[in-house]
Amino acid sequence: MVGGYLGLRRGTLAGSRIGRALYDELLDGLASQGYVNAFAGIALPNEARVALHELCGYEYAGVFPSVGFKFGAWHDVGGGIDD
């Protein structure tokens, strides 16, 4: 299993396409090692992060209600798969 976290501070690199470039490298690297699926979890709501994952080929796989704790509050976490 390979785990990673792509944490870009809000507003610092918005629109720079660095997130897409990082995901392209990650997914290409995983594919070259024989991995066939990649999974993502996104604290919701976060339209920009959802859009990034959709651009990278992820498909909606469901929502886990109130399982992510961030900034002092519980959040739903959306799941996605790139196969």
C-alpha atoms as a PDB file:
ATOM      1  CA  MET A   1       0.000   0.000   0.000  1.00  0.00           C
ATOM      2  CA  VAL A   2       1.224   3.476  -0.845  1.00  0.00           C
ATOM      3  CA  GLY A   3      -0.064   6.452   1.073  1.00  0.00           C
ATOM      4  CA  GLY A   4       0.389  10.104   0.419  1.00  0.00           C
ATOM      5  CA  TYR A   5      -1.000  13.493   1.204  1.00  0.00           C
ATOM      6  CA  LEU A   6      -1.219  16.360  -1.223  1.00  0.00           C
ATOM      7  CA  GLY A   7      -1.631  19.407   0.996  1.00  0.00           C
ATOM      8  CA  LEU A   8      -1.535  22.709  -0.820  1.00  0.00           C
ATOM      9  CA  ARG A   9      -2.295  25.748   1.298  1.00  0.00           C
ATOM     10  CA  ARG A  10      -5.403  27.574   0.216  1.00  0.00           C
ATOM     11  CA  GLY A  11      -4.634  30.418  -2.154  1.00  0.00           C
ATOM     12  CA  THR A  12      -0.884  29.839  -2.324  1.00  0.00           C
ATOM     13  CA  LEU A  13      -0.822  27.878  -5.564  1.00  0.00           C
ATOM     14  CA  ALA A  14      -4.421  28.118  -6.744  1.00  0.00           C
ATOM     15  CA  GLY A  15      -4.612  27.805 -10.519  1.00  0.00           C
ATOM     16  CA  SER A  16      -0.933  26.925 -10.891  1.00  0.00           C
ATOM     17  CA  ARG A  17      -1.731  23.346 -11.978  1.00  0.00           C
ATOM     18  CA  ILE A  18       0.901  22.006  -9.592  1.00  0.00           C
ATOM     19  CA  GLY A  19      -1.657  19.641  -8.055  1.00  0.00           C
ATOM     20  CA  ARG A  20      -2.387  18.109 -11.444  1.00  0.00           C
ATOM     21  CA  ALA A  21       1.316  17.750 -12.212  1.00  0.00           C
ATOM     22  CA  LEU A  22       1.957  16.055  -8.864  1.00  0.00           C
ATOM     23  CA  TYR A  23      -0.949  13.657  -9.347  1.00  0.00           C
ATOM     24  CA  ASP A  24       0.180  12.822 -12.893  1.00  0.00           C
ATOM     25  CA  GLU A  25       3.622  11.891 -11.554  1.00  0.00           C
ATOM     26  CA  LEU A  26       2.148   9.899  -8.676  1.00  0.00           C
ATOM     27  CA  LEU A  27      -0.298   7.944 -10.836  1.00  0.00           C
ATOM     28  CA  ASP A  28       2.309   7.264 -13.544  1.00  0.00           C
ATOM     29  CA  GLY A  29       4.738   6.041 -10.885  1.00  0.00           C
ATOM     30  CA  LEU A  30       2.137   3.759  -9.335  1.00  0.00           C
ATOM     31  CA  ALA A  31       1.187   2.337 -12.745  1.00  0.00           C
ATOM     32  CA  SER A  32       4.833   1.628 -13.572  1.00  0.00           C
ATOM     33  CA  GLN A  33       5.056  -0.379 -10.339  1.00  0.00           C
ATOM     34  CA  GLY A  34       2.030  -2.483 -11.227  1.00  0.00           C
ATOM     35  CA  TYR A  35      -0.615  -0.730  -9.145  1.00  0.00           C
ATOM     36  CA  VAL A  36      -4.001  -0.759 -10.860  1.00  0.00           C
ATOM     37  CA  ASN A  37      -6.097   1.380  -8.486  1.00  0.00           C
ATOM     38  CA  ALA A  38      -5.607   4.590  -6.551  1.00  0.00           C
ATOM     39  CA  PHE A  39      -7.999   5.844  -3.890  1.00  0.00           C
ATOM     40  CA  ALA A  40      -8.572   9.363  -2.590  1.00  0.00           C
ATOM     41  CA  GLY A  41     -10.329  10.843   0.415  1.00  0.00           C
ATOM     42  CA  ILE A  42     -11.358  14.503   0.466  1.00  0.00           C
ATOM     43  CA  ALA A  43     -12.726  16.417   3.451  1.00  0.00           C
ATOM     44  CA  LEU A  44     -16.008  17.937   2.311  1.00  0.00           C
ATOM     45  CA  PRO A  45     -17.112  20.424   1.230  1.00  0.00           C
ATOM     46  CA  ASN A  46     -14.157  21.213  -1.039  1.00  0.00           C
ATOM     47  CA  GLU A  47     -15.244  21.844  -4.632  1.00  0.00           C
ATOM     48  CA  ALA A  48     -11.744  22.726  -5.824  1.00  0.00           C
ATOM     49  CA  ARG A  49     -10.215  19.487  -4.506  1.00  0.00           C
ATOM     50  CA  VAL A  50     -13.085  17.425  -5.928  1.00  0.00           C
ATOM     51  CA  ALA A  51     -12.566  19.118  -9.316  1.00  0.00           C
ATOM     52  CA  LEU A  52      -8.814  18.373  -9.192  1.00  0.00           C
ATOM     53  CA  HIS A  53      -9.440  14.692  -8.546  1.00  0.00           C
ATOM     54  CA  GLU A  54     -12.019  14.506 -11.335  1.00  0.00           C
ATOM     55  CA  LEU A  55      -9.485  16.073 -13.727  1.00  0.00           C
ATOM     56  CA  CYS A  56      -7.010  13.385 -12.693  1.00  0.00           C
ATOM     57  CA  GLY A  57      -9.459  10.614 -13.567  1.00  0.00           C
ATOM     58  CA  TYR A  58     -10.960   9.831 -10.173  1.00  0.00           C
ATOM     59  CA  GLU A  59     -14.600   8.781 -10.058  1.00  0.00           C
ATOM     60  CA  TYR A  60     -16.975   9.333  -7.151  1.00  0.00           C
ATOM     61  CA  ALA A  61     -17.123   6.302  -4.879  1.00  0.00           C
ATOM     62  CA  GLY A  62     -19.167   7.539  -1.912  1.00  0.00           C
ATOM     63  CA  VAL A  63     -19.169   9.647   1.239  1.00  0.00           C
ATOM     64  CA  PHE A  64     -18.189   8.634   4.753  1.00  0.00           C
ATOM     65  CA  PRO A  65     -20.226  10.865   7.069  1.00  0.00           C
ATOM     66  CA  SER A  66     -18.447  12.694   9.896  1.00  0.00           C
ATOM     67  CA  VAL A  67     -15.247  10.619   9.858  1.00  0.00           C
ATOM     68  CA  GLY A  68     -12.655  13.345   9.217  1.00  0.00           C
ATOM     69  CA  PHE A  69     -11.585  15.705  12.002  1.00  0.00           C
ATOM     70  CA  LYS A  70     -10.026  18.910  10.690  1.00  0.00           C
ATOM     71  CA  PHE A  71      -9.729  22.441  12.086  1.00  0.00           C
ATOM     72  CA  GLY A  72     -11.617  21.510  15.234  1.00  0.00           C
ATOM     73  CA  ALA A  73     -14.687  20.037  13.539  1.00  0.00           C
ATOM     74  CA  TRP A  74     -15.908  16.742  12.110  1.00  0.00           C
ATOM     75  CA  HIS A  75     -16.341  16.571   8.332  1.00  0.00           C
ATOM     76  CA  ASP A  76     -17.777  14.188   5.814  1.00  0.00           C
ATOM     77  CA  VAL A  77     -15.076  12.598   3.658  1.00  0.00           C
ATOM     78  CA  GLY A  78     -15.748  11.911  -0.001  1.00  0.00           C
ATOM     79  CA  GLY A  79     -14.074   8.925  -1.573  1.00  0.00           C
ATOM     80  CA  GLY A  80     -12.869   8.458  -5.104  1.00  0.00           C
ATOM     81  CA  ILE A  81     -11.173   5.766  -7.161  1.00  0.00           C
ATOM     82  CA  ASP A  82      -8.909   6.010 -10.189  1.00  0.00           C
ATOM     83  CA  ASP A  83      -8.828   2.686 -11.983  1.00  0.00           C
END
